[in-house]
């Protein structure tokens, strides 16, 4: 069994991160990997950090997913749970967990800058995705966390967010703003005052005061913020994590998959598996050329049948050629990357039965020679 096979990844990993552009079935693949792992006895939680409802729709949940994991009924010796990142709730819980007292936690959460920050959907979502992964990775209910990233070119930003947060909290200006003093910022050192004045001229003095008040409110908590951030960064770059790129045979999807592969290489993260989803099905082992020749030698309905088969073969051959070229490029960066394939299903995935069928396809797919 290859260490980068579906079986090995789902049986040994502690964290699986799936990434890919929109429209390739990435969320369905993440759920299918969860099903496969549960079938092998793992206690799995699949978390989507995409604000859309794709995960709930894929497994047929009619209600809303929340930050609290919800168990899904699946015929398996293990367990499958699903959850959706709630930025506000995750940030609030982080404050509660790291605050020295409930009063201090409430002071932070009442701060106007904190309220604005916790409702931001840009960088804050990346930080809180990493924090939520930290919580789930340390939750004794689960032995595998599968992360379904957003269908965006920036989906991997959350991988770098822990280090960015740690660097931010150590910045001299941040340390200055956090310095507790009865007189506030007017006691700032003479060297830093021009810097603060320049920042104030851009963001406004009220905004800067709000930031300073927030930073002073979390004084003493930032060490735990940094520790947790660096801990999850270590998990993501450690041997217990596996990264999976999901793509489809369209030129746009393959181009975006090239981007994700390059990003993982730039970040120094080992790509373990490529899933090529929604491949055109093969009907037999003939080629387009053979079917065209058969059509010319036949007549009537038999000729029409061979002509239709030729069109289907042409679609499959075009898709296979594009995927093969992509895999060649990927193996230049990750020579040992594993491969799995699933064909286009006759209907959209919208329930657990469809997810189980997809898991079965991935499990039995054979890598190219």
Protein backbone atom coordinates (compact mmCIF):
# COMPACT_ATOMS: atom_id res chain seq x y z
CA UNK A 1 0.00 0.00 0.00
CA UNK A 2 1.47 3.34 -1.08
CA UNK A 3 1.78 5.96 1.66
CA UNK A 4 -0.04 8.40 -0.67
CA UNK A 5 -2.96 6.12 -1.51
CA UNK A 6 -6.52 6.90 -0.44
CA UNK A 7 -6.37 4.01 2.03
CA UNK A 8 -3.12 5.11 3.65
CA UNK A 9 -4.11 8.77 3.85
CA UNK A 10 -7.52 8.09 5.38
CA UNK A 11 -6.18 5.53 7.87
CA UNK A 12 -3.07 7.40 9.07
CA UNK A 13 -3.63 11.15 8.75
CA UNK A 14 -4.73 13.35 11.63
CA UNK A 15 -5.61 16.25 9.31
CA UNK A 16 -6.59 16.20 5.62
CA UNK A 17 -6.83 19.52 3.77
CA UNK A 18 -8.70 19.52 0.45
CA UNK A 19 -8.26 22.41 -1.96
CA UNK A 20 -9.46 23.20 -5.47
CA UNK A 21 -11.40 25.70 -7.51
CA UNK A 22 -15.19 25.95 -7.69
CA UNK A 23 -17.20 23.45 -9.68
CA UNK A 24 -14.87 20.44 -9.30
CA UNK A 25 -16.76 18.71 -6.48
CA UNK A 26 -14.17 19.47 -3.81
CA UNK A 27 -16.70 19.54 -0.97
CA UNK A 28 -18.19 16.24 -2.11
CA UNK A 29 -14.71 14.70 -2.25
CA UNK A 30 -13.97 15.97 1.28
CA UNK A 31 -17.18 14.32 2.52
CA UNK A 32 -16.36 11.13 0.59
CA UNK A 33 -12.93 10.95 2.21
CA UNK A 34 -14.71 11.32 5.55
CA UNK A 35 -17.04 8.44 4.72
CA UNK A 36 -14.14 6.25 3.60
CA UNK A 37 -12.22 6.98 6.82
CA UNK A 38 -15.32 6.27 8.94
CA UNK A 39 -15.73 2.97 7.09
CA UNK A 40 -12.21 2.13 8.29
CA UNK A 41 -13.06 2.88 11.91
CA UNK A 42 -11.96 6.51 12.20
CA UNK A 43 -13.86 9.18 14.13
CA UNK A 44 -13.95 11.92 11.52
CA UNK A 45 -15.12 15.53 11.50
CA UNK A 46 -15.38 17.40 8.20
CA UNK A 47 -15.23 21.18 8.59
CA UNK A 48 -16.00 23.55 5.77
CA UNK A 49 -14.49 27.03 6.01
CA UNK A 50 -16.49 28.06 2.96
CA UNK A 51 -19.40 30.36 3.96
CA UNK A 52 -21.64 28.68 1.35
CA UNK A 53 -23.93 25.72 2.17
CA UNK A 54 -22.16 23.23 -0.12
CA UNK A 55 -21.34 20.68 2.57
CA UNK A 56 -24.88 20.60 3.98
CA UNK A 57 -26.32 20.32 0.46
CA UNK A 58 -23.91 17.54 -0.54
CA UNK A 59 -24.87 15.26 2.35
CA UNK A 60 -28.55 16.16 2.32
CA UNK A 61 -28.82 18.13 5.58
CA UNK A 62 -31.82 20.45 5.44
CA UNK A 63 -30.96 22.53 8.52
CA UNK A 64 -28.05 24.90 8.99
CA UNK A 65 -24.62 23.63 9.94
CA UNK A 66 -23.03 25.42 12.87
CA UNK A 67 -19.74 25.69 14.72
CA UNK A 68 -20.75 22.74 16.87
CA UNK A 69 -20.13 19.45 15.01
CA UNK A 70 -23.22 17.48 14.02
CA UNK A 71 -23.10 13.70 13.69
CA UNK A 72 -24.23 12.20 10.38
CA UNK A 73 -25.78 8.76 10.11
CA UNK A 74 -23.52 6.50 8.05
CA UNK A 75 -23.20 2.71 7.96
CA UNK A 76 -19.64 2.36 9.24
CA UNK A 77 -17.73 1.17 12.33
CA UNK A 78 -16.39 4.71 12.76
CA UNK A 79 -18.16 8.06 13.06
CA UNK A 80 -18.75 10.98 10.67
CA UNK A 81 -19.39 14.50 11.94
CA UNK A 82 -19.77 17.74 9.99
CA UNK A 83 -19.43 21.40 10.96
CA UNK A 84 -19.20 24.83 9.36
CA UNK A 85 -16.87 27.56 10.55
CA UNK A 86 -18.59 30.37 12.45
CA UNK A 87 -16.04 33.19 12.62
CA UNK A 88 -17.80 35.14 15.40
CA UNK A 89 -18.35 32.14 17.66
CA UNK A 90 -14.79 30.85 17.15
CA UNK A 91 -13.29 34.25 17.97
CA UNK A 92 -15.53 34.64 21.03
CA UNK A 93 -14.56 31.17 22.26
CA UNK A 94 -10.87 31.95 21.76
CA UNK A 95 -11.29 35.05 23.91
CA UNK A 96 -13.14 33.09 26.60
CA UNK A 97 -10.53 30.32 26.61
CA UNK A 98 -7.56 32.66 26.93
CA UNK A 99 -9.03 35.36 29.16
CA UNK A 100 -7.96 35.43 32.84
CA UNK A 101 -11.54 36.18 33.91
CA UNK A 102 -15.09 36.37 32.49
CA UNK A 103 -15.01 40.12 33.09
CA UNK A 104 -11.91 40.55 30.93
CA UNK A 105 -13.46 38.39 28.21
CA UNK A 106 -16.56 40.57 28.20
CA UNK A 107 -14.44 43.73 28.05
CA UNK A 108 -12.72 42.40 24.93
CA UNK A 109 -15.96 41.33 23.25
CA UNK A 110 -17.60 44.71 24.00
CA UNK A 111 -14.73 46.58 22.34
CA UNK A 112 -15.85 48.32 19.12
CA UNK A 113 -12.69 47.33 17.25
CA UNK A 114 -13.13 43.69 18.29
CA UNK A 115 -16.74 43.65 17.11
CA UNK A 116 -15.69 45.04 13.74
CA UNK A 117 -12.77 42.60 13.49
CA UNK A 118 -14.83 39.53 14.41
CA UNK A 119 -17.35 40.32 11.68
CA UNK A 120 -14.75 40.75 8.96
CA UNK A 121 -14.84 38.04 6.30
CA UNK A 122 -11.35 38.59 4.93
CA UNK A 123 -8.26 37.99 7.04
CA UNK A 124 -10.19 37.20 10.19
CA UNK A 125 -11.78 34.16 8.55
CA UNK A 126 -8.29 32.79 7.80
CA UNK A 127 -7.16 33.25 11.42
CA UNK A 128 -10.32 31.71 12.83
CA UNK A 129 -10.16 28.77 10.41
CA UNK A 130 -6.72 27.97 11.80
CA UNK A 131 -7.99 28.42 15.37
CA UNK A 132 -10.99 26.16 14.75
CA UNK A 133 -8.69 23.53 13.27
CA UNK A 134 -6.60 23.78 16.47
CA UNK A 135 -9.71 23.17 18.59
CA UNK A 136 -10.97 20.22 16.53
CA UNK A 137 -7.51 18.65 16.29
CA UNK A 138 -7.35 18.67 20.09
CA UNK A 139 -10.97 17.51 20.56
CA UNK A 140 -10.90 13.95 22.02
CA UNK A 141 -14.08 13.08 20.09
CA UNK A 142 -12.18 13.01 16.79
CA UNK A 143 -9.05 11.34 15.46
CA UNK A 144 -9.24 12.87 11.96
CA UNK A 145 -10.15 16.39 10.83
CA UNK A 146 -10.89 16.99 7.15
CA UNK A 147 -10.79 20.65 6.09
CA UNK A 148 -12.87 21.74 3.09
CA UNK A 149 -11.29 25.02 1.95
CA UNK A 150 -13.20 27.71 0.01
CA UNK A 151 -13.23 27.51 -3.82
CA UNK A 152 -10.89 30.48 -4.14
CA UNK A 153 -7.36 31.22 -5.30
CA UNK A 154 -6.83 32.56 -1.76
CA UNK A 155 -8.07 29.35 -0.12
CA UNK A 156 -4.59 28.54 1.18
CA UNK A 157 -4.15 31.89 2.94
CA UNK A 158 -5.25 30.27 6.19
CA UNK A 159 -2.10 28.12 6.07
CA UNK A 160 0.07 31.21 6.51
CA UNK A 161 -2.27 33.05 8.88
CA UNK A 162 -0.92 31.50 12.13
CA UNK A 163 2.61 32.78 11.47
CA UNK A 164 1.27 36.17 10.38
CA UNK A 165 -0.71 36.48 13.61
CA UNK A 166 2.30 35.55 15.72
CA UNK A 167 4.49 38.10 13.89
CA UNK A 168 1.81 40.78 14.26
CA UNK A 169 1.52 40.30 18.02
CA UNK A 170 5.29 40.67 18.38
CA UNK A 171 5.53 43.85 16.30
CA UNK A 172 7.04 46.83 18.20
CA UNK A 173 4.07 49.09 17.44
CA UNK A 174 1.66 46.45 18.75
CA UNK A 175 3.77 46.03 21.88
CA UNK A 176 3.72 49.79 22.36
CA UNK A 177 -0.04 50.05 21.95
CA UNK A 178 -0.50 47.23 24.45
CA UNK A 179 1.70 48.91 27.05
CA UNK A 180 -0.55 49.45 30.09
CA UNK A 181 -0.36 52.96 31.47
CA UNK A 182 -2.83 55.33 33.03
CA UNK A 183 -1.98 58.03 30.57
CA UNK A 184 -2.40 55.85 27.52
CA UNK A 185 -0.56 56.63 24.34
CA UNK A 186 0.70 60.07 25.37
CA UNK A 187 3.43 58.25 27.32
CA UNK A 188 4.66 56.55 24.14
CA UNK A 189 8.35 56.87 23.57
CA UNK A 190 9.55 59.88 21.62
CA UNK A 191 10.89 57.59 18.89
CA UNK A 192 7.51 55.95 18.29
CA UNK A 193 5.28 59.02 18.57
CA UNK A 194 5.81 60.14 14.94
CA UNK A 195 4.92 56.64 13.77
CA UNK A 196 1.71 56.63 15.79
CA UNK A 197 0.89 60.14 14.57
CA UNK A 198 1.31 58.96 10.97
CA UNK A 199 -0.96 55.96 11.55
CA UNK A 200 -3.52 58.19 13.26
CA UNK A 201 -3.57 60.53 10.26
CA UNK A 202 -4.55 57.60 8.03
CA UNK A 203 -7.01 55.64 10.16
CA UNK A 204 -8.16 58.45 12.47
CA UNK A 205 -7.42 59.00 16.13
CA UNK A 206 -10.67 57.37 17.30
CA UNK A 207 -9.93 54.22 15.33
CA UNK A 208 -6.38 54.09 16.65
CA UNK A 209 -7.64 54.55 20.20
CA UNK A 210 -10.10 51.69 19.66
CA UNK A 211 -7.29 49.46 18.44
CA UNK A 212 -5.11 50.45 21.39
CA UNK A 213 -7.92 49.75 23.85
CA UNK A 214 -8.52 46.35 22.27
CA UNK A 215 -4.85 45.42 22.37
CA UNK A 216 -4.55 46.51 25.99
CA UNK A 217 -7.69 44.52 26.83
CA UNK A 218 -6.03 41.33 25.51
CA UNK A 219 -2.78 42.07 27.33
CA UNK A 220 -1.54 38.76 28.73
CA UNK A 221 -3.78 36.78 26.37
CA UNK A 222 -1.68 37.39 23.28
CA UNK A 223 0.91 34.85 24.41
CA UNK A 224 -1.70 32.09 24.27
CA UNK A 225 -2.95 33.47 20.93
CA UNK A 226 0.56 33.09 19.53
CA UNK A 227 1.12 29.67 21.10
CA UNK A 228 -2.07 28.26 19.59
CA UNK A 229 -1.34 29.86 16.22
CA UNK A 230 2.14 28.36 16.05
CA UNK A 231 0.85 25.00 17.29
CA UNK A 232 -1.63 24.71 14.44
CA UNK A 233 1.05 25.88 11.99
CA UNK A 234 3.18 22.99 13.22
CA UNK A 235 0.28 20.56 12.72
CA UNK A 236 -0.34 21.74 9.15
CA UNK A 237 3.32 21.34 8.23
CA UNK A 238 3.83 18.14 10.20
CA UNK A 239 3.77 14.49 9.19
CA UNK A 240 0.22 14.03 10.51
CA UNK A 241 -1.32 16.30 7.83
CA UNK A 242 -2.11 15.36 4.24
CA UNK A 243 -2.95 17.80 1.43
CA UNK A 244 -5.26 16.85 -1.42
CA UNK A 245 -5.83 18.84 -4.62
CA UNK A 246 -9.19 18.20 -6.31
CA UNK A 247 -9.63 19.05 -9.97
CA UNK A 248 -11.76 18.25 -13.01
CA UNK A 249 -10.85 17.79 -16.68
CA UNK A 250 -11.88 21.26 -17.91
CA UNK A 251 -8.99 23.56 -18.95
CA UNK A 252 -9.99 26.22 -16.39
CA UNK A 253 -10.09 23.70 -13.53
CA UNK A 254 -6.71 22.24 -14.50
CA UNK A 255 -5.21 25.74 -14.73
CA UNK A 256 -6.43 26.53 -11.21
CA UNK A 257 -5.16 23.17 -9.97
CA UNK A 258 -1.71 24.14 -11.30
CA UNK A 259 -1.96 27.25 -9.12
CA UNK A 260 -2.74 25.23 -5.98
CA UNK A 261 0.10 22.81 -6.70
CA UNK A 262 2.51 25.72 -7.12
CA UNK A 263 1.30 27.34 -3.89
CA UNK A 264 1.83 24.14 -1.91
CA UNK A 265 5.32 23.85 -3.39
CA UNK A 266 6.07 27.48 -2.49
CA UNK A 267 4.87 26.90 1.08
CA UNK A 268 7.07 23.82 1.40
CA UNK A 269 4.06 21.55 1.96
CA UNK A 270 4.06 18.03 0.54
CA UNK A 271 1.10 17.34 -1.73
CA UNK A 272 0.01 13.75 -1.09
CA UNK A 273 -2.93 13.17 -3.43
CA UNK A 274 -4.58 14.49 -6.60
CA UNK A 275 -8.23 13.62 -7.16
CA UNK A 276 -9.47 14.09 -10.72
CA UNK A 277 -13.23 14.27 -10.35
CA UNK A 278 -16.06 14.42 -12.87
CA UNK A 279 -14.19 12.54 -15.58
CA UNK A 280 -16.25 11.48 -18.63
CA UNK A 281 -17.07 7.76 -18.29
CA UNK A 282 -15.54 5.14 -20.58
CA UNK A 283 -17.82 2.64 -22.31
CA UNK A 284 -15.60 -0.28 -23.22
CA UNK A 285 -12.00 -0.10 -24.35
CA UNK A 286 -12.29 1.22 -27.89
CA UNK A 287 -10.91 4.54 -29.15
CA UNK A 288 -12.53 7.35 -31.09
CA UNK A 289 -10.65 6.25 -34.23
CA UNK A 290 -11.84 2.66 -33.91
CA UNK A 291 -15.44 3.75 -33.43
CA UNK A 292 -15.29 6.09 -36.44
CA UNK A 293 -13.94 3.26 -38.55
CA UNK A 294 -16.70 0.95 -37.30
CA UNK A 295 -19.31 3.59 -38.14
CA UNK A 296 -18.06 3.81 -41.71
CA UNK A 297 -18.17 0.03 -42.10
CA UNK A 298 -21.74 -0.17 -40.78
CA UNK A 299 -25.10 1.23 -41.79
CA UNK A 300 -28.37 2.28 -40.22
CA UNK A 301 -28.75 2.22 -36.45
CA UNK A 302 -25.47 0.34 -36.00
CA UNK A 303 -23.58 3.11 -37.76
CA UNK A 304 -25.34 5.76 -35.65
CA UNK A 305 -24.46 3.83 -32.48
CA UNK A 306 -20.76 3.70 -33.41
CA UNK A 307 -20.83 7.41 -34.27
CA UNK A 308 -22.28 8.24 -30.86
CA UNK A 309 -19.68 6.03 -29.20
CA UNK A 310 -16.98 7.85 -31.15
CA UNK A 311 -18.20 11.18 -29.75
CA UNK A 312 -18.14 9.78 -26.20
CA UNK A 313 -14.63 8.39 -26.74
CA UNK A 314 -13.50 11.76 -28.07
CA UNK A 315 -14.72 13.49 -24.89
CA UNK A 316 -13.00 10.92 -22.69
CA UNK A 317 -9.73 11.06 -24.65
CA UNK A 318 -9.62 14.86 -24.55
CA UNK A 319 -10.24 14.85 -20.80
CA UNK A 320 -7.63 12.16 -20.20
CA UNK A 321 -5.03 14.03 -22.24
CA UNK A 322 -5.56 17.25 -20.26
CA UNK A 323 -5.43 15.44 -16.92
CA UNK A 324 -2.36 13.46 -17.94
CA UNK A 325 -0.49 16.67 -18.85
CA UNK A 326 -1.50 18.19 -15.49
CA UNK A 327 -0.28 15.12 -13.61
CA UNK A 328 3.03 15.28 -15.49
CA UNK A 329 3.48 18.89 -14.33
CA UNK A 330 2.47 17.99 -10.78
CA UNK A 331 4.92 15.09 -10.58
CA UNK A 332 7.76 17.42 -11.48
CA UNK A 333 7.15 19.13 -8.12
CA UNK A 334 5.83 16.12 -6.16
CA UNK A 335 7.18 12.90 -7.71
CA UNK A 336 5.45 10.57 -5.22
CA UNK A 337 1.99 12.17 -5.35
CA UNK A 338 -0.89 9.70 -5.26
CA UNK A 339 -3.77 9.74 -7.74
CA UNK A 340 -7.47 8.89 -7.59
CA UNK A 341 -10.25 9.33 -10.14
CA UNK A 342 -14.03 9.56 -10.12
CA UNK A 343 -16.34 9.80 -13.12
CA UNK A 344 -19.20 12.22 -13.58
CA UNK A 345 -22.24 10.86 -11.76
CA UNK A 346 -25.62 10.84 -13.53
CA UNK A 347 -27.09 13.34 -11.03
CA UNK A 348 -25.85 16.01 -8.64
CA UNK A 349 -24.60 14.80 -5.27
CA UNK A 350 -27.28 15.68 -2.74
CA UNK A 351 -27.39 12.89 -0.14
CA UNK A 352 -25.24 10.40 1.74
CA UNK A 353 -25.97 7.67 -0.79
CA UNK A 354 -24.27 9.75 -3.48
CA UNK A 355 -21.34 10.48 -1.17
CA UNK A 356 -20.91 6.77 -0.41
CA UNK A 357 -20.95 6.01 -4.15
CA UNK A 358 -18.26 8.63 -4.73
CA UNK A 359 -16.16 7.19 -1.88
CA UNK A 360 -16.40 3.75 -3.49
CA UNK A 361 -15.23 5.15 -6.84
CA UNK A 362 -12.23 6.87 -5.25
CA UNK A 363 -11.31 3.74 -3.32
CA UNK A 364 -11.15 1.47 -6.37
CA UNK A 365 -9.70 3.93 -8.90
CA UNK A 366 -6.35 2.89 -10.28
CA UNK A 367 -3.48 5.35 -10.79
CA UNK A 368 -2.19 5.74 -14.32
CA UNK A 369 0.80 3.68 -15.32
